[in-house]
Amino acid sequence: MMRALRRRLALVMTALTALVLAGALAVTWQFSQQQYTASAEALFAQNFTALCDRLAEAATVSDAWLAEQERASGCLLFLQDNGAALHYPGTSAAQNRAALETQLWQAAAGQLPPETLGSAAVRQSVTFAIDGPDHAPYRCAAALLPRGAHGDYLLVALAQDTRFLSRHGLATALQYAALWLAGTAVLLCLCFWLAGRALAPTEQALRRQKEFIAAASHELRSPLAVIKASLQALAEQDLPAARQAQFVRSSQAEADRMARLTDDLLLLASGDAGRLSVQLRPVAPDTLCIVLYDQFYPLARQSGHTLALELPEHPVPAIQADAERLKQLLAVLLHNALEHTPPGTAVTLRLCAGGAKAPLSIAVADNGPGIADADKAKIFERFYRADPSRTDKQHCGLGLAVAQELARLHGAALRVSDTPGGGATFTVQFPR
């Protein structure tokens, strides 16, 4: 499912970015084509002006010079001296040249009226476009050059085949298309990689959710199996009373275990959904620690542990917390310390008041076997057990996950470190 989602997401991202790239390249191509056309027009006008200046100053010009001007400018040059056409070997076939010349002078006659030709005293020039005999578009310019004071004149016309603009546009369009294809291929690879990075947290969350559901199902299956077996045994007619009481106690213990597991699962699910909230009120942390110490002292003696309470000598300022949720958090840490350490070892509930720089913190330290460095980053995961072979039914691996969620709700940080001399210390550090 994630692979298909990644492919679809990559394709959508590629399509959108490729569309933007196509638009940008299209605008760039259009701008470059306009610039190229404008440059060609400016060069044509510059060549025509230079040619007119040379013809206006020269008394005579040779056919070779005229042919060289055609080759240099890439245009066709036509001349009329007092209305008589001047022919010379040009750069194009004579038949095509004659047909184009006829069309050109006809078009120029509309721009330069014949009745004004002999009376013009200054140079006149016009530009226009025609379709040649081969249906090719031509850019044309014509100029009337007065020669002397007797009404003599010279008509100069220059025609340029503008099909090179279309060829240039097609060539650059193909280049831009190739650039777009290459860019799209790069974007596809990049989007596929980005989609993988973007979906990695989701994929990890789904994997953890599946593992969470599988582990929860397994944990719930065990007490249900015990309860079912006990009920089947109680259905026997000749079962002794002592044996019946044993099955009832076993069923009650498993039901209590299921209730605790269900409460933890609901708390974690509410936290994941953002529906878990706390009622923050001023709480005296020293008073809270004393209450917890009084509650767990009998349990510590019963399990063979020494429970100590360490409080600062000076008064401790109140903190904003949910007293019940905070008790639940610290109770998890105290239960773990008492149940995961051997009898005869000490457990300490320590309150460290924050000074000007240090924040307030509450720690639970034990002198048990400690936690390996490789496991310290994993112990807060749900259903995680440092020893996979452990089959203790009283612990399903949710306690520290619940504690971390409760710490997060208070804006606090829950950390684990080594106790000097051996053991583990869990510290809840509150924000300043």
Protein backbone atom coordinates (compact mmCIF):
# COMPACT_ATOMS: atom_id res chain seq x y z
CA MET A 1 0.00 0.00 0.00
CA MET A 2 2.76 2.45 0.91
CA ARG A 3 4.65 1.67 -2.31
CA ALA A 4 1.57 2.39 -4.41
CA LEU A 5 0.90 5.57 -2.41
CA ARG A 6 4.52 6.63 -2.87
CA ARG A 7 4.29 6.11 -6.63
CA ARG A 8 1.02 8.01 -6.89
CA LEU A 9 2.33 10.85 -4.76
CA ALA A 10 5.54 11.02 -6.80
CA LEU A 11 3.54 11.09 -10.06
CA VAL A 12 1.26 13.86 -8.79
CA MET A 13 4.21 15.92 -7.57
CA THR A 14 6.05 15.33 -10.85
CA ALA A 15 2.99 16.29 -12.91
CA LEU A 16 2.54 19.54 -11.00
CA THR A 17 6.20 20.53 -11.08
CA ALA A 18 6.52 19.47 -14.73
CA LEU A 19 3.53 21.65 -15.57
CA VAL A 20 5.16 24.61 -13.84
CA LEU A 21 8.44 23.84 -15.62
CA ALA A 22 6.63 23.64 -18.97
CA GLY A 23 4.99 27.01 -18.35
CA ALA A 24 8.30 28.60 -17.38
CA LEU A 25 10.07 27.14 -20.43
CA ALA A 26 7.22 28.23 -22.71
CA VAL A 27 7.42 31.80 -21.44
CA THR A 28 11.21 31.75 -21.76
CA TRP A 29 11.00 30.36 -25.31
CA GLN A 30 8.44 32.98 -26.30
CA PHE A 31 10.61 35.75 -24.87
CA SER A 32 13.76 34.44 -26.59
CA GLN A 33 11.91 34.12 -29.90
CA GLN A 34 10.66 37.69 -29.61
CA GLN A 35 14.19 38.87 -28.82
CA TYR A 36 15.58 36.95 -31.78
CA THR A 37 12.92 38.39 -34.12
CA ALA A 38 13.55 41.91 -32.82
CA SER A 39 17.31 41.47 -33.33
CA ALA A 40 16.75 40.20 -36.88
CA GLU A 41 14.51 43.18 -37.66
CA ALA A 42 17.03 45.61 -36.20
CA LEU A 43 19.86 44.04 -38.22
CA PHE A 44 17.74 44.18 -41.39
CA ALA A 45 16.99 47.87 -40.81
CA GLN A 46 20.65 48.58 -40.06
CA ASN A 47 21.82 46.85 -43.25
CA PHE A 48 19.20 48.66 -45.34
CA THR A 49 20.16 52.06 -43.90
CA ALA A 50 23.86 51.42 -44.51
CA LEU A 51 23.11 50.30 -48.07
CA CYS A 52 21.04 53.41 -48.78
CA ASP A 53 23.77 55.65 -47.39
CA ARG A 54 26.34 53.99 -49.62
CA LEU A 55 24.15 54.23 -52.72
CA ALA A 56 23.24 57.87 -52.00
CA GLU A 57 26.92 58.85 -51.88
CA ALA A 58 28.23 56.71 -54.74
CA ALA A 59 28.10 57.91 -58.33
CA THR A 60 28.44 54.38 -59.66
CA VAL A 61 28.43 50.88 -58.15
CA SER A 62 29.53 47.62 -59.69
CA ASP A 63 27.50 44.46 -60.11
CA ALA A 64 30.06 42.60 -58.02
CA TRP A 65 29.60 45.02 -55.13
CA LEU A 66 25.81 44.64 -55.30
CA ALA A 67 26.09 40.85 -55.34
CA GLU A 68 28.44 41.00 -52.36
CA GLN A 69 25.89 43.09 -50.45
CA GLU A 70 23.27 40.41 -51.07
CA ARG A 71 25.57 37.66 -49.84
CA ALA A 72 26.61 39.64 -46.76
CA SER A 73 23.08 40.56 -45.71
CA GLY A 74 21.32 37.38 -46.82
CA CYS A 75 18.74 39.52 -48.63
CA LEU A 76 17.76 40.30 -52.22
CA LEU A 77 18.54 43.80 -53.53
CA PHE A 78 16.54 45.54 -56.26
CA LEU A 79 17.20 48.95 -57.89
CA GLN A 80 15.32 51.34 -60.19
CA ASP A 81 17.01 54.37 -61.71
CA ASN A 82 14.35 56.94 -62.67
CA GLY A 83 11.82 54.13 -63.00
CA ALA A 84 14.06 51.82 -65.04
CA ALA A 85 15.00 48.55 -63.37
CA LEU A 86 18.70 47.85 -62.98
CA HIS A 87 19.50 44.14 -63.29
CA TYR A 88 22.65 42.35 -62.20
CA PRO A 89 23.58 38.73 -61.39
CA GLY A 90 22.33 38.24 -57.84
CA THR A 91 22.36 35.33 -55.40
CA SER A 92 19.04 33.79 -56.49
CA ALA A 93 17.71 32.21 -59.70
CA ALA A 94 16.70 34.73 -62.36
CA GLN A 95 13.14 33.38 -62.67
CA ASN A 96 12.39 33.56 -58.92
CA ARG A 97 14.13 36.91 -58.72
CA ALA A 98 12.04 38.42 -61.51
CA ALA A 99 8.75 37.20 -60.02
CA LEU A 100 9.65 38.54 -56.60
CA GLU A 101 10.80 41.86 -58.08
CA THR A 102 7.44 42.38 -59.75
CA GLN A 103 5.54 41.75 -56.50
CA LEU A 104 7.93 43.92 -54.51
CA TRP A 105 7.64 46.99 -56.78
CA GLN A 106 3.87 46.61 -56.88
CA ALA A 107 3.71 46.62 -53.10
CA ALA A 108 6.17 49.52 -52.88
CA ALA A 109 4.07 51.58 -55.30
CA GLY A 110 1.31 51.66 -52.72
CA GLN A 111 3.73 52.97 -50.11
CA LEU A 112 5.61 55.41 -52.40
CA PRO A 113 3.07 56.97 -54.85
CA PRO A 114 4.56 57.32 -58.38
CA GLU A 115 3.44 60.97 -58.70
CA THR A 116 5.80 61.94 -55.86
CA LEU A 117 8.87 60.13 -57.15
CA GLY A 118 10.29 62.91 -59.30
CA SER A 119 9.41 65.73 -56.94
CA ALA A 120 10.82 64.29 -53.71
CA ALA A 121 13.59 66.38 -52.22
CA VAL A 122 14.48 64.18 -49.24
CA ARG A 123 14.90 60.47 -48.71
CA GLN A 124 11.72 58.51 -48.08
CA SER A 125 11.65 54.91 -46.84
CA VAL A 126 8.98 52.38 -45.96
CA THR A 127 8.90 48.80 -44.64
CA PHE A 128 6.30 46.18 -45.46
CA ALA A 129 5.78 42.45 -45.83
CA ILE A 130 4.73 40.37 -48.83
CA ASP A 131 4.24 36.72 -49.72
CA GLY A 132 6.66 35.68 -52.44
CA PRO A 133 5.88 33.59 -55.51
CA ASP A 134 6.78 30.44 -53.56
CA HIS A 135 4.40 31.56 -50.75
CA ALA A 136 7.38 32.38 -48.57
CA PRO A 137 7.05 35.40 -46.27
CA TYR A 138 9.38 38.31 -47.02
CA ARG A 139 10.29 41.33 -44.96
CA CYS A 140 10.81 44.25 -47.33
CA ALA A 141 12.10 47.80 -47.19
CA ALA A 142 12.03 50.39 -49.97
CA ALA A 143 13.61 53.83 -50.12
CA LEU A 144 13.46 56.76 -52.52
CA LEU A 145 16.85 58.44 -52.89
CA PRO A 146 16.74 61.87 -54.68
CA ARG A 147 19.73 62.36 -57.02
CA GLY A 148 20.52 65.96 -57.98
CA ALA A 149 18.20 68.88 -58.59
CA HIS A 150 16.71 67.70 -61.88
CA GLY A 151 14.16 65.27 -60.43
CA ASP A 152 16.38 62.22 -60.82
CA TYR A 153 15.89 59.52 -58.24
CA LEU A 154 16.96 56.01 -57.31
CA LEU A 155 14.58 53.43 -55.85
CA VAL A 156 16.21 50.88 -53.57
CA ALA A 157 14.39 47.79 -52.26
CA LEU A 158 15.63 45.02 -49.99
CA ALA A 159 13.74 41.74 -49.42
CA GLN A 160 14.55 39.15 -46.77
CA ASP A 161 13.08 35.63 -46.64
CA THR A 162 11.86 35.34 -43.04
CA ARG A 163 11.38 31.56 -43.00
CA PHE A 164 14.60 31.36 -41.01
CA LEU A 165 12.63 32.75 -38.05
CA SER A 166 10.29 29.75 -38.13
CA ARG A 167 13.21 27.36 -38.50
CA HIS A 168 14.96 29.00 -35.57
CA GLY A 169 11.76 28.87 -33.51
CA LEU A 170 11.29 25.17 -34.27
CA ALA A 171 14.90 24.35 -33.46
CA THR A 172 14.81 26.20 -30.15
CA ALA A 173 11.40 24.67 -29.36
CA LEU A 174 12.88 21.20 -29.82
CA GLN A 175 15.78 22.17 -27.56
CA TYR A 176 13.39 23.43 -24.90
CA ALA A 177 11.28 20.26 -25.27
CA ALA A 178 14.37 18.12 -24.74
CA LEU A 179 15.26 20.26 -21.74
CA TRP A 180 11.72 19.78 -20.39
CA LEU A 181 11.91 16.00 -20.84
CA ALA A 182 15.27 15.88 -19.08
CA GLY A 183 13.97 18.14 -16.32
CA THR A 184 10.85 16.01 -15.92
CA ALA A 185 12.98 12.88 -15.58
CA VAL A 186 15.09 14.56 -12.91
CA LEU A 187 11.94 15.82 -11.18
CA LEU A 188 10.46 12.32 -11.23
CA CYS A 189 13.51 10.90 -9.47
CA LEU A 190 13.58 13.80 -7.02
CA CYS A 191 9.84 13.60 -6.30
CA PHE A 192 10.06 9.83 -5.80
CA TRP A 193 12.85 10.37 -3.28
CA LEU A 194 10.99 13.22 -1.56
CA ALA A 195 7.79 11.14 -1.44
CA GLY A 196 9.74 8.39 0.27
CA ARG A 197 11.14 10.84 2.80
CA ALA A 198 7.71 12.41 3.37
CA LEU A 199 5.98 9.05 3.82
CA ALA A 200 8.71 7.55 6.01
CA PRO A 201 7.13 8.82 9.28
CA THR A 202 3.71 7.62 8.12
CA GLU A 203 5.10 4.22 7.16
CA GLN A 204 6.86 3.98 10.50
CA ALA A 205 3.67 5.01 12.32
CA LEU A 206 1.64 2.39 10.44
CA ARG A 207 4.23 -0.26 11.22
CA ARG A 208 4.20 0.69 14.88
CA GLN A 209 0.41 0.70 14.85
CA LYS A 210 0.37 -2.82 13.43
CA GLU A 211 2.91 -3.94 16.00
CA PHE A 212 0.91 -2.18 18.72
CA ILE A 213 -2.33 -3.90 17.69
CA ALA A 214 -0.61 -7.27 17.41
CA ALA A 215 1.01 -6.89 20.84
CA ALA A 216 -2.22 -5.65 22.42
CA SER A 217 -4.13 -8.58 20.92
CA HIS A 218 -1.56 -10.97 22.29
CA GLU A 219 -1.65 -9.39 25.75
CA LEU A 220 -5.45 -9.50 25.83
CA ARG A 221 -5.58 -13.07 24.56
CA SER A 222 -3.64 -14.45 27.51
CA PRO A 223 -6.00 -13.32 30.33
CA LEU A 224 -9.02 -14.24 28.22
CA ALA A 225 -7.66 -17.74 27.79
CA VAL A 226 -7.13 -18.05 31.56
CA ILE A 227 -10.63 -16.74 32.33
CA LYS A 228 -12.18 -19.08 29.75
CA ALA A 229 -10.31 -22.09 31.14
CA SER A 230 -11.31 -21.17 34.70
CA LEU A 231 -14.97 -20.86 33.73
CA GLN A 232 -14.86 -24.22 31.99
CA ALA A 233 -13.33 -25.77 35.10
CA LEU A 234 -15.95 -24.16 37.34
CA ALA A 235 -18.64 -25.77 35.22
CA GLU A 236 -17.59 -29.19 36.47
CA GLN A 237 -20.01 -30.61 39.06
CA ASP A 238 -17.58 -32.45 41.35
CA LEU A 239 -14.96 -29.69 41.68
CA PRO A 240 -13.82 -29.16 45.31
CA ALA A 241 -14.66 -25.81 46.91
CA ALA A 242 -10.99 -24.95 47.43
CA ARG A 243 -10.32 -25.60 43.78
CA GLN A 244 -13.30 -23.48 42.76
CA ALA A 245 -12.04 -20.59 44.91
CA GLN A 246 -8.64 -20.89 43.24
CA PHE A 247 -10.19 -20.60 39.78
CA VAL A 248 -12.28 -17.61 40.89
CA ARG A 249 -9.19 -15.83 42.24
CA SER A 250 -7.30 -16.60 39.04
CA SER A 251 -10.14 -15.20 36.92
CA GLN A 252 -10.34 -12.09 39.13
CA ALA A 253 -6.59 -11.49 38.82
CA GLU A 254 -6.71 -11.83 35.04
CA ALA A 255 -9.75 -9.52 34.87
CA ASP A 256 -7.85 -6.91 36.92
CA ARG A 257 -4.90 -7.31 34.57
CA MET A 258 -7.16 -6.78 31.56
CA ALA A 259 -8.64 -3.68 33.19
CA ARG A 260 -5.17 -2.18 33.76
CA LEU A 261 -4.11 -3.04 30.23
CA THR A 262 -7.30 -1.54 28.79
CA ASP A 263 -6.85 1.65 30.81
CA ASP A 264 -3.27 2.00 29.54
CA LEU A 265 -4.34 1.36 25.95
CA LEU A 266 -7.13 3.93 26.18
CA LEU A 267 -4.76 6.50 27.67
CA LEU A 268 -2.20 5.99 24.89
CA ALA A 269 -4.87 6.00 22.20
CA SER A 270 -6.33 9.23 23.58
CA GLY A 271 -2.86 10.75 23.62
CA ASP A 272 -2.25 9.75 20.00
CA ALA A 273 -5.59 11.25 18.98
CA GLY A 274 -4.92 14.46 20.91
CA ARG A 275 -7.94 13.94 23.16
CA LEU A 276 -6.00 13.46 26.38
CA SER A 277 -5.91 16.60 28.48
CA VAL A 278 -4.73 17.67 31.91
CA GLN A 279 -6.17 20.14 34.40
CA LEU A 280 -3.19 22.28 35.32
CA ARG A 281 -3.35 23.79 38.77
CA PRO A 282 -0.74 24.90 41.31
CA VAL A 283 0.70 21.77 42.94
CA ALA A 284 3.23 21.65 45.78
CA PRO A 285 5.81 19.10 44.56
CA ASP A 286 7.20 18.38 48.06
CA THR A 287 3.72 17.58 49.39
CA LEU A 288 3.08 15.36 46.37
CA CYS A 289 6.31 13.43 47.00
CA ILE A 290 5.42 12.95 50.68
CA VAL A 291 1.99 11.55 49.73
CA LEU A 292 3.56 9.12 47.26
CA TYR A 293 6.17 8.08 49.80
CA ASP A 294 3.47 7.29 52.35
CA GLN A 295 1.54 5.25 49.76
CA PHE A 296 4.48 3.19 48.54
CA TYR A 297 6.34 2.71 51.82
CA PRO A 298 4.25 -0.34 52.86
CA LEU A 299 4.58 -1.84 49.37
CA ALA A 300 8.35 -1.34 49.48
CA ARG A 301 8.62 -3.10 52.86
CA GLN A 302 6.44 -5.94 51.60
CA SER A 303 8.73 -6.48 48.61
CA GLY A 304 11.89 -6.25 50.73
CA HIS A 305 13.06 -2.83 49.55
CA THR A 306 14.15 0.27 51.38
CA LEU A 307 12.26 3.35 50.20
CA ALA A 308 13.91 6.71 50.91
CA LEU A 309 12.62 10.23 50.37
CA GLU A 310 14.98 13.13 49.66
CA LEU A 311 13.61 16.69 49.80
CA PRO A 312 15.47 20.00 49.54
CA GLU A 313 15.97 21.94 52.75
CA HIS A 314 14.52 25.21 51.45
CA PRO A 315 10.89 25.69 50.36
CA VAL A 316 10.03 24.53 46.86
CA PRO A 317 7.82 26.71 44.64
CA ALA A 318 4.59 25.28 43.31
CA ILE A 319 4.37 23.95 39.76
CA GLN A 320 1.51 23.92 37.28
CA ALA A 321 0.42 20.29 37.02
CA ASP A 322 -2.47 17.85 37.16
CA ALA A 323 -1.97 16.25 40.57
CA GLU A 324 -3.67 12.94 39.71
CA ARG A 325 -1.89 12.54 36.38
CA LEU A 326 1.43 13.42 38.00
CA LYS A 327 0.82 10.84 40.74
CA GLN A 328 0.05 8.28 38.03
CA LEU A 329 3.32 9.13 36.27
CA LEU A 330 5.45 8.80 39.40
CA ALA A 331 3.55 5.68 40.47
CA VAL A 332 4.64 3.98 37.24
CA LEU A 333 8.27 4.83 37.98
CA LEU A 334 8.03 3.65 41.60
CA HIS A 335 6.29 0.39 40.59
CA ASN A 336 9.02 -0.30 38.03
CA ALA A 337 11.76 0.42 40.56
CA LEU A 338 10.22 -1.93 43.16
CA GLU A 339 9.35 -4.73 40.75
CA HIS A 340 12.44 -4.80 38.55
CA THR A 341 15.09 -4.71 41.26
CA PRO A 342 16.08 -7.53 43.63
CA PRO A 343 14.90 -7.46 47.28
CA GLY A 344 17.22 -5.73 49.71
CA THR A 345 18.12 -2.90 47.35
CA ALA A 346 17.22 0.73 47.97
CA VAL A 347 14.78 2.89 46.01
CA THR A 348 14.93 6.68 46.36
CA LEU A 349 12.28 9.28 45.55
CA ARG A 350 14.19 12.52 45.11
CA LEU A 351 12.93 16.08 44.63
CA CYS A 352 15.46 18.54 43.23
CA ALA A 353 14.40 22.17 43.43
CA GLY A 354 15.29 24.30 40.46
CA GLY A 355 17.51 27.26 41.06
CA ALA A 356 18.16 30.25 38.87
CA LYS A 357 19.40 28.02 36.04
CA ALA A 358 18.38 24.45 36.89
CA PRO A 359 14.73 23.42 36.39
CA LEU A 360 12.74 21.53 39.02
CA SER A 361 12.85 17.74 38.70
CA ILE A 362 11.57 14.62 40.45
CA ALA A 363 13.64 11.45 40.18
CA VAL A 364 13.17 7.79 41.10
CA ALA A 365 16.50 6.02 41.55
CA ASP A 366 17.13 2.33 42.21
CA ASN A 367 20.21 0.19 42.79
CA GLY A 368 19.14 -2.75 40.67
CA PRO A 369 20.80 -4.28 37.60
CA GLY A 370 20.37 -1.06 35.60
CA ILE A 371 19.52 -0.64 31.94
CA ALA A 372 21.92 -1.30 29.09
CA ASP A 373 22.80 1.68 26.92
CA ALA A 374 21.40 -0.11 23.86
CA ASP A 375 18.01 -0.43 25.59
CA LYS A 376 17.72 3.10 26.98
CA ALA A 377 16.36 4.49 23.72
CA LYS A 378 13.83 1.65 23.39
CA ILE A 379 12.38 1.23 26.86
CA PHE A 380 9.80 3.96 26.22
CA GLU A 381 8.41 2.07 23.22
CA ARG A 382 5.09 0.35 23.69
CA PHE A 383 5.19 -3.33 24.66
CA TYR A 384 8.98 -3.26 24.69
CA ARG A 385 10.78 -5.65 27.01
CA ALA A 386 14.52 -5.56 27.40
CA ASP A 387 14.44 -9.34 27.93
CA PRO A 388 12.31 -10.95 25.16
CA SER A 389 12.15 -14.21 27.09
CA ARG A 390 10.46 -12.54 30.06
CA THR A 391 6.98 -13.99 30.64
CA ASP A 392 5.92 -12.05 33.73
CA LYS A 393 2.18 -11.53 33.25
CA GLN A 394 2.14 -8.52 35.56
CA HIS A 395 4.08 -6.41 33.08
CA CYS A 396 3.00 -5.88 29.47
CA GLY A 397 5.51 -3.18 28.54
CA LEU A 398 3.20 -0.16 28.59
CA GLY A 399 4.17 1.50 31.87
CA LEU A 400 7.01 3.68 30.63
CA ALA A 401 5.11 4.55 27.45
CA VAL A 402 2.24 5.78 29.63
CA ALA A 403 4.67 7.69 31.85
CA GLN A 404 6.26 9.39 28.86
CA GLU A 405 2.84 10.39 27.50
CA LEU A 406 1.87 11.89 30.88
CA ALA A 407 5.18 13.76 31.04
CA ARG A 408 4.57 15.15 27.56
CA LEU A 409 1.16 16.45 28.63
CA HIS A 410 2.87 18.42 31.40
CA GLY A 411 5.49 19.78 29.02
CA ALA A 412 8.09 17.82 31.00
CA ALA A 413 10.90 15.56 29.82
CA LEU A 414 11.28 11.98 31.06
CA ARG A 415 14.87 10.72 30.92
CA VAL A 416 16.76 7.68 32.12
CA SER A 417 20.35 7.59 33.34
CA ASP A 418 22.64 5.32 35.32
CA THR A 419 22.59 5.47 39.11
CA PRO A 420 26.06 5.92 40.61
CA GLY A 421 27.09 2.54 41.96
CA GLY A 422 24.65 0.65 39.73
CA GLY A 423 20.99 0.88 38.85
CA ALA A 424 18.76 3.21 36.88
CA THR A 425 17.44 6.69 37.59
CA PHE A 426 14.30 8.04 35.91
CA THR A 427 14.01 11.83 36.05
CA VAL A 428 10.97 13.97 35.27
CA GLN A 429 12.28 17.43 34.43
CA PHE A 430 9.68 20.19 34.42
CA PRO A 431 9.93 23.33 32.31
CA ARG A 432 11.06 26.55 33.97
